[in-house]
Protein backbone atom coordinates (compact mmCIF):
# COMPACT_ATOMS: atom_id res chain seq x y z
CA MET A 1 -19.60 8.00 -4.06
CA ASN A 2 -19.59 11.80 -5.01
CA TYR A 3 -16.83 14.24 -5.26
CA ARG A 4 -16.93 17.72 -6.05
CA PHE A 5 -14.63 20.22 -8.06
CA ALA A 6 -14.43 23.91 -8.13
CA VAL A 7 -13.22 25.01 -11.54
CA LYS A 8 -11.17 28.25 -10.85
CA ASN A 9 -8.32 28.93 -14.12
CA PHE A 10 -9.31 26.42 -16.63
CA ASP A 11 -11.67 27.50 -19.60
CA GLY A 12 -11.72 24.06 -21.49
CA GLU A 13 -12.72 20.45 -21.80
CA LEU A 14 -14.49 18.50 -18.95
CA ALA A 15 -12.59 15.82 -19.77
CA VAL A 16 -9.08 17.32 -19.85
CA TYR A 17 -10.47 18.80 -15.79
CA LEU A 18 -10.68 15.88 -14.71
CA ALA A 19 -7.39 14.55 -16.02
CA GLN A 20 -6.09 17.69 -14.46
CA ASN A 21 -6.83 17.03 -11.25
CA GLY A 22 -5.73 13.20 -10.77
CA VAL A 23 -8.80 11.32 -12.15
CA SER A 24 -7.20 8.67 -14.55
CA ALA A 25 -8.18 8.22 -18.37
CA ARG A 26 -9.48 4.66 -16.82
CA GLN A 27 -12.18 6.33 -14.31
CA ILE A 28 -12.91 9.11 -17.05
CA THR A 29 -14.42 5.75 -19.16
CA ARG A 30 -15.30 4.90 -16.95
CA LEU A 31 -17.33 8.15 -16.41
CA ARG A 32 -18.58 8.07 -19.58
CA LYS A 33 -20.24 4.37 -19.63
CA ARG A 34 -23.08 5.56 -17.05
CA GLU A 35 -25.20 8.87 -18.21
CA GLY A 36 -25.43 10.26 -15.58
CA LEU A 37 -21.90 10.45 -13.15
CA ILE A 38 -21.33 13.55 -14.97
CA LYS A 39 -22.63 16.39 -13.46
CA LEU A 40 -21.91 20.03 -14.29
CA ASN A 41 -24.15 22.85 -12.05
CA GLY A 42 -26.45 20.10 -10.86
CA LYS A 43 -26.55 19.43 -14.77
CA THR A 44 -26.16 16.15 -16.23
CA VAL A 45 -23.56 16.25 -18.75
CA PHE A 46 -21.06 13.89 -20.75
CA SER A 47 -16.93 14.34 -21.00
CA ASN A 48 -16.38 16.80 -23.88
CA ALA A 49 -18.83 19.79 -22.22
CA ARG A 50 -17.49 23.00 -21.60
CA VAL A 51 -16.02 23.43 -18.28
CA LYS A 52 -14.84 27.19 -17.37
CA ASP A 53 -13.53 29.31 -13.95
CA GLY A 54 -16.85 28.99 -11.80
CA ASP A 55 -18.72 25.88 -12.60
CA GLU A 56 -18.50 22.68 -10.20
CA ILE A 57 -18.38 19.31 -11.55
CA THR A 58 -19.36 16.55 -9.38
CA ILE A 59 -18.22 12.98 -10.64
CA THR A 60 -20.15 9.75 -9.49
CA VAL A 61 -17.91 6.49 -8.71
CA ALA A 62 -19.60 4.25 -9.21
CA ASP A 63 -17.50 0.99 -9.31
CA THR A 64 -18.33 -2.71 -9.80
CA PRO A 65 -18.41 -5.06 -6.81
CA THR A 66 -15.81 -6.91 -6.37
CA ASP A 67 -17.11 -10.98 -7.22
CA PHE A 68 -18.65 -12.22 -3.90
CA VAL A 69 -16.80 -12.75 -1.10
CA ALA A 70 -16.86 -14.94 1.40
CA LYS A 71 -16.89 -13.08 5.05
CA SER A 72 -14.37 -14.20 7.12
CA LYS A 73 -14.57 -14.39 11.44
CA ARG A 74 -11.07 -12.91 12.02
CA SER A 75 -10.86 -9.18 12.62
CA VAL A 76 -8.49 -6.45 11.75
CA GLU A 77 -7.31 -3.04 13.87
CA VAL A 78 -7.87 -0.53 12.14
CA VAL A 79 -5.84 2.20 12.33
CA PHE A 80 -7.84 4.89 10.35
CA GLU A 81 -10.55 4.70 8.22
CA ASP A 82 -13.03 7.74 6.61
CA GLU A 83 -15.03 7.58 3.36
CA HIS A 84 -12.19 7.49 1.66
CA PHE A 85 -9.71 4.89 1.83
CA CYS A 86 -8.72 3.55 5.92
CA ILE A 87 -5.10 2.41 7.43
CA ILE A 88 -5.01 -1.09 8.50
CA ASN A 89 -3.07 -2.82 11.12
CA LYS A 90 -2.23 -6.07 8.88
CA PRO A 91 -1.49 -9.28 11.19
CA ALA A 92 1.32 -11.52 9.57
CA GLY A 93 -0.06 -14.48 8.29
CA LEU A 94 -3.03 -13.07 6.91
CA ALA A 95 -2.71 -12.91 2.81
CA VAL A 96 -4.04 -9.64 1.43
CA ILE A 97 -6.47 -10.82 -2.05
CA SER A 98 -8.49 -14.04 -1.25
CA THR A 99 -7.39 -16.41 -3.96
CA ARG A 100 -7.40 -20.53 -4.20
CA ARG A 101 -4.76 -20.89 -1.89
CA TYR A 102 -6.19 -18.89 1.39
CA PHE A 103 -9.77 -18.40 0.11
CA GLY A 104 -11.96 -17.45 3.21
CA ASP A 105 -8.94 -16.43 5.07
CA SER A 106 -7.44 -12.85 3.92
CA LEU A 107 -7.73 -9.46 4.14
CA GLN A 108 -10.13 -9.19 1.54
CA ASN A 109 -12.84 -11.37 3.64
CA ALA A 110 -12.19 -10.05 6.91
CA LEU A 111 -13.23 -6.01 4.70
CA ALA A 112 -15.83 -7.88 3.79
CA SER A 113 -17.51 -9.03 7.16
CA LYS A 114 -16.99 -4.96 8.52
CA TRP A 115 -17.61 -3.58 5.32
CA GLY A 116 -20.88 -6.05 3.62
CA THR A 117 -20.07 -7.94 0.27
CA ASP A 118 -21.09 -5.11 -1.85
CA PHE A 119 -17.68 -3.07 -2.15
CA SER A 120 -14.55 -3.16 -4.29
CA PHE A 121 -11.67 -3.89 -2.58
CA HIS A 122 -8.50 -1.99 -3.87
CA PRO A 123 -5.43 -2.10 -1.49
CA VAL A 124 -2.61 0.38 -2.19
CA ASN A 125 0.86 -0.84 -0.44
CA ARG A 126 0.11 -4.31 -0.32
CA LEU A 127 2.14 -6.63 2.07
CA ASP A 128 3.91 -10.02 1.26
CA LYS A 129 1.67 -12.53 3.77
CA ASP A 130 3.51 -12.51 6.71
CA THR A 131 5.39 -9.28 6.69
CA SER A 132 3.19 -7.39 9.60
CA GLY A 133 1.60 -3.39 9.93
CA LEU A 134 0.41 -1.25 7.97
CA MET A 135 -1.62 -0.98 5.03
CA ILE A 136 -3.32 1.34 3.20
CA VAL A 137 -7.41 0.01 1.44
CA ALA A 138 -8.59 2.64 -0.48
CA LYS A 139 -13.25 2.58 -0.19
CA ASN A 140 -13.42 3.42 -4.01
CA SER A 141 -11.37 3.90 -7.45
CA PHE A 142 -10.75 7.33 -7.16
CA ALA A 143 -9.59 7.52 -3.56
CA HIS A 144 -7.36 3.86 -5.21
CA ASP A 145 -6.04 6.12 -8.01
CA LYS A 146 -5.46 9.57 -5.73
CA LEU A 147 -3.35 7.11 -3.05
CA ASN A 148 -1.76 5.23 -6.03
CA LEU A 149 -0.72 7.92 -7.78
CA LEU A 150 1.05 9.56 -4.20
CA LEU A 151 2.61 6.41 -3.64
CA GLN A 152 4.48 6.50 -7.57
CA GLN A 153 5.15 9.62 -7.07
CA ASN A 154 7.19 8.87 -3.72
CA LYS A 155 4.96 11.04 -0.90
CA ILE A 156 3.65 8.47 1.30
CA GLN A 157 6.32 7.52 3.38
CA LYS A 158 7.04 4.05 4.01
CA THR A 159 9.15 3.39 7.34
CA TYR A 160 9.59 -0.69 8.37
CA LEU A 161 11.22 -2.30 10.97
CA ALA A 162 12.99 -4.73 10.40
CA VAL A 163 15.39 -7.77 12.40
CA VAL A 164 18.99 -8.88 10.81
CA GLU A 165 21.51 -11.85 10.50
CA GLY A 166 24.90 -10.69 11.52
CA ASN A 167 26.23 -7.22 12.29
CA LEU A 168 25.24 -3.91 10.80
CA ASP A 169 25.63 0.14 12.30
CA GLY A 170 25.38 3.30 10.24
CA ASN A 171 23.69 3.97 7.90
CA ALA A 172 23.51 3.35 4.13
CA ILE A 173 21.56 3.36 0.89
CA ILE A 174 20.93 0.50 -1.49
CA ASP A 175 20.44 1.04 -4.66
CA LEU A 176 19.42 -1.92 -6.68
CA PRO A 177 17.78 -2.96 -9.86
CA ILE A 178 15.22 -5.77 -8.65
CA LEU A 179 14.24 -8.55 -11.22
CA ASP A 180 10.89 -10.41 -11.71
CA ILE A 181 11.49 -14.14 -12.59
CA LYS A 182 8.63 -15.61 -14.74
CA GLY A 183 7.01 -18.13 -13.44
CA GLN A 184 8.68 -17.41 -9.81
CA ILE A 185 7.76 -16.18 -6.15
CA LYS A 186 11.30 -14.86 -5.83
CA ARG A 187 13.29 -11.83 -7.12
CA GLU A 188 17.24 -11.45 -7.78
CA ILE A 189 19.33 -8.25 -8.15
CA SER A 190 20.02 -8.20 -12.47
CA PRO A 191 20.90 -4.83 -14.85
CA LYS A 192 17.09 -5.98 -16.32
CA GLY A 193 15.22 -5.17 -13.12
CA LYS A 194 13.65 -2.41 -11.76
CA ARG A 195 15.18 0.22 -10.20
CA ALA A 196 14.94 -0.19 -5.95
CA VAL A 197 16.00 1.29 -3.13
CA THR A 198 16.51 0.79 0.45
CA GLU A 199 17.52 2.88 3.03
CA TYR A 200 17.68 1.42 6.01
CA LYS A 201 19.71 3.04 9.92
CA ALA A 202 20.96 0.11 11.71
CA LEU A 203 18.83 1.02 15.45
CA LYS A 204 20.46 -2.20 18.19
CA SER A 205 22.85 -4.54 17.06
CA ASN A 206 24.16 -7.42 19.62
CA GLY A 207 26.90 -8.88 16.55
CA LYS A 208 24.95 -11.43 15.84
CA PHE A 209 21.63 -10.31 14.64
CA THR A 210 20.59 -6.67 14.00
CA LEU A 211 17.43 -4.17 14.40
CA LEU A 212 16.67 -1.68 11.14
CA GLN A 213 14.71 1.26 10.32
CA ILE A 214 13.75 0.56 6.81
CA ASN A 215 12.14 3.59 4.49
CA LEU A 216 11.40 2.24 1.14
CA LEU A 217 12.23 4.96 -1.42
CA THR A 218 10.82 2.54 -4.04
CA GLY A 219 7.86 -0.03 -3.66
CA ARG A 220 9.00 -3.51 -5.50
CA THR A 221 8.19 -6.90 -4.38
CA HIS A 222 10.13 -7.91 -2.05
CA GLN A 223 12.45 -5.08 -1.87
CA ILE A 224 13.84 -5.00 1.70
CA ARG A 225 13.78 -8.37 1.74
CA VAL A 226 15.97 -9.31 -1.64
CA HIS A 227 18.11 -5.84 -0.95
CA MET A 228 19.17 -7.18 2.80
CA SER A 229 19.53 -10.79 2.10
CA ASN A 230 22.27 -9.73 -1.88
CA CYS A 231 24.26 -7.28 1.28
CA GLY A 232 24.57 -10.32 2.89
CA PHE A 233 22.51 -9.93 5.17
CA PRO A 234 18.72 -12.17 5.68
CA LEU A 235 16.36 -10.94 7.62
CA VAL A 236 16.23 -13.07 10.40
CA GLY A 237 13.10 -16.31 9.78
CA ASP A 238 12.92 -15.69 5.64
CA ASN A 239 13.00 -18.87 4.96
CA LEU A 240 13.13 -17.89 0.84
CA TYR A 241 15.84 -14.85 0.84
CA GLY A 242 18.04 -16.59 4.04
CA SER A 243 17.09 -19.62 6.12
CA ALA A 244 14.61 -20.13 8.42
CA SER A 245 14.60 -19.10 12.36
CA PRO A 246 14.13 -20.81 15.93
CA TYR A 247 12.98 -17.96 16.83
CA ILE A 248 10.54 -16.21 14.95
CA ASP A 249 8.61 -18.12 11.75
CA ARG A 250 8.47 -15.67 9.88
CA GLN A 251 10.91 -13.03 8.20
CA ALA A 252 10.71 -10.32 10.94
CA LEU A 253 9.63 -7.54 9.12
CA HIS A 254 7.34 -4.73 10.23
CA SER A 255 5.37 -1.78 8.71
CA TYR A 256 5.72 0.40 11.29
CA ARG A 257 4.74 3.97 10.33
CA LEU A 258 2.66 5.93 7.00
CA SER A 259 3.10 9.18 6.63
CA PHE A 260 1.56 11.80 3.80
CA ILE A 261 -0.44 14.14 3.04
CA HIS A 262 -4.13 12.76 2.64
CA PRO A 263 -5.40 13.47 -0.98
CA PHE A 264 -8.46 14.95 -0.42
CA THR A 265 -8.56 17.10 2.64
CA SER A 266 -4.52 18.07 2.48
CA GLU A 267 -4.65 17.39 5.97
CA VAL A 268 -1.32 14.50 7.68
CA VAL A 269 -2.26 11.53 7.73
CA ASP A 270 0.58 10.13 10.19
CA ALA A 271 -0.29 6.58 11.69
CA VAL A 272 2.01 4.20 13.63
CA ALA A 273 1.74 0.69 14.48
CA GLU A 274 3.55 -0.52 17.19
CA LEU A 275 5.68 -3.75 16.76
CA PRO A 276 4.28 -7.25 17.19
CA SER A 277 4.22 -10.09 19.41
CA ASP A 278 6.26 -12.18 17.76
CA MET A 279 8.51 -9.14 16.84
CA LYS A 280 8.96 -8.19 20.72
CA ARG A 281 10.07 -11.84 21.36
CA LEU A 282 12.77 -11.73 19.18
CA LEU A 283 14.08 -8.19 20.96
CA GLU A 284 13.78 -9.48 23.93
CA GLU A 285 15.74 -12.59 23.84
CA ASN A 286 18.03 -11.03 21.14
CA LEU A 287 18.86 -7.69 21.56
CA GLN A 288 18.21 -5.80 25.31
């Protein structure tokens, strides 16, 4: 994949220009390793070349293909796709990465079937296996760097829908640090953890369950599940931070909306994935 830069208001080293325009140090190192991946006005140069106003830089992102990934018959719904990335509506029960535990049945395997096994897999916002909804997957390492920077800068608005146990009303912000426990899947609230901020708004409640709209202002693993459980309102069906439920066989959590400015075209990307059938059924049976 080729990316072009039109140099304006700059006079200096090419590597510095690239760094100032969103190319990571890791990507610049990759470009240095093979001659011909950087061109200045159509001619092959190295990253220490001098560039100035009016120059055109072209970089070729040549990722090493992911080790062989088995193809899967499982199909996934693509909500948005271009040459840089796609947005997938991931079903509950589908792991993101192909591992020994989920060998041959993951989002990675499904995309290997769609794009061919000679591809590089770059998930941006990862979802738990049993969380459904929208996920961004970059098609190359540079696109991943650009999207990941938006994620770190909180410029990707992430909206979830969740059903929790108990009666909640109004809205609030939970600002509690979350700690990864070495050797465990489970996370916990701890002053030693990393800052985690969750904003929620109650949409509907029957006293027993509450439907929440949740915006993530940070992106810690299990953040919504840990925060809501710590507040005494675990997600329905969350047997890690709450308890199993007869109404749904996974945590009732869905990545509903992703909204951000496209890092290459500057257009607004606003993707929505409606609730899956199991969460719709949960609401119909308990929150009418």
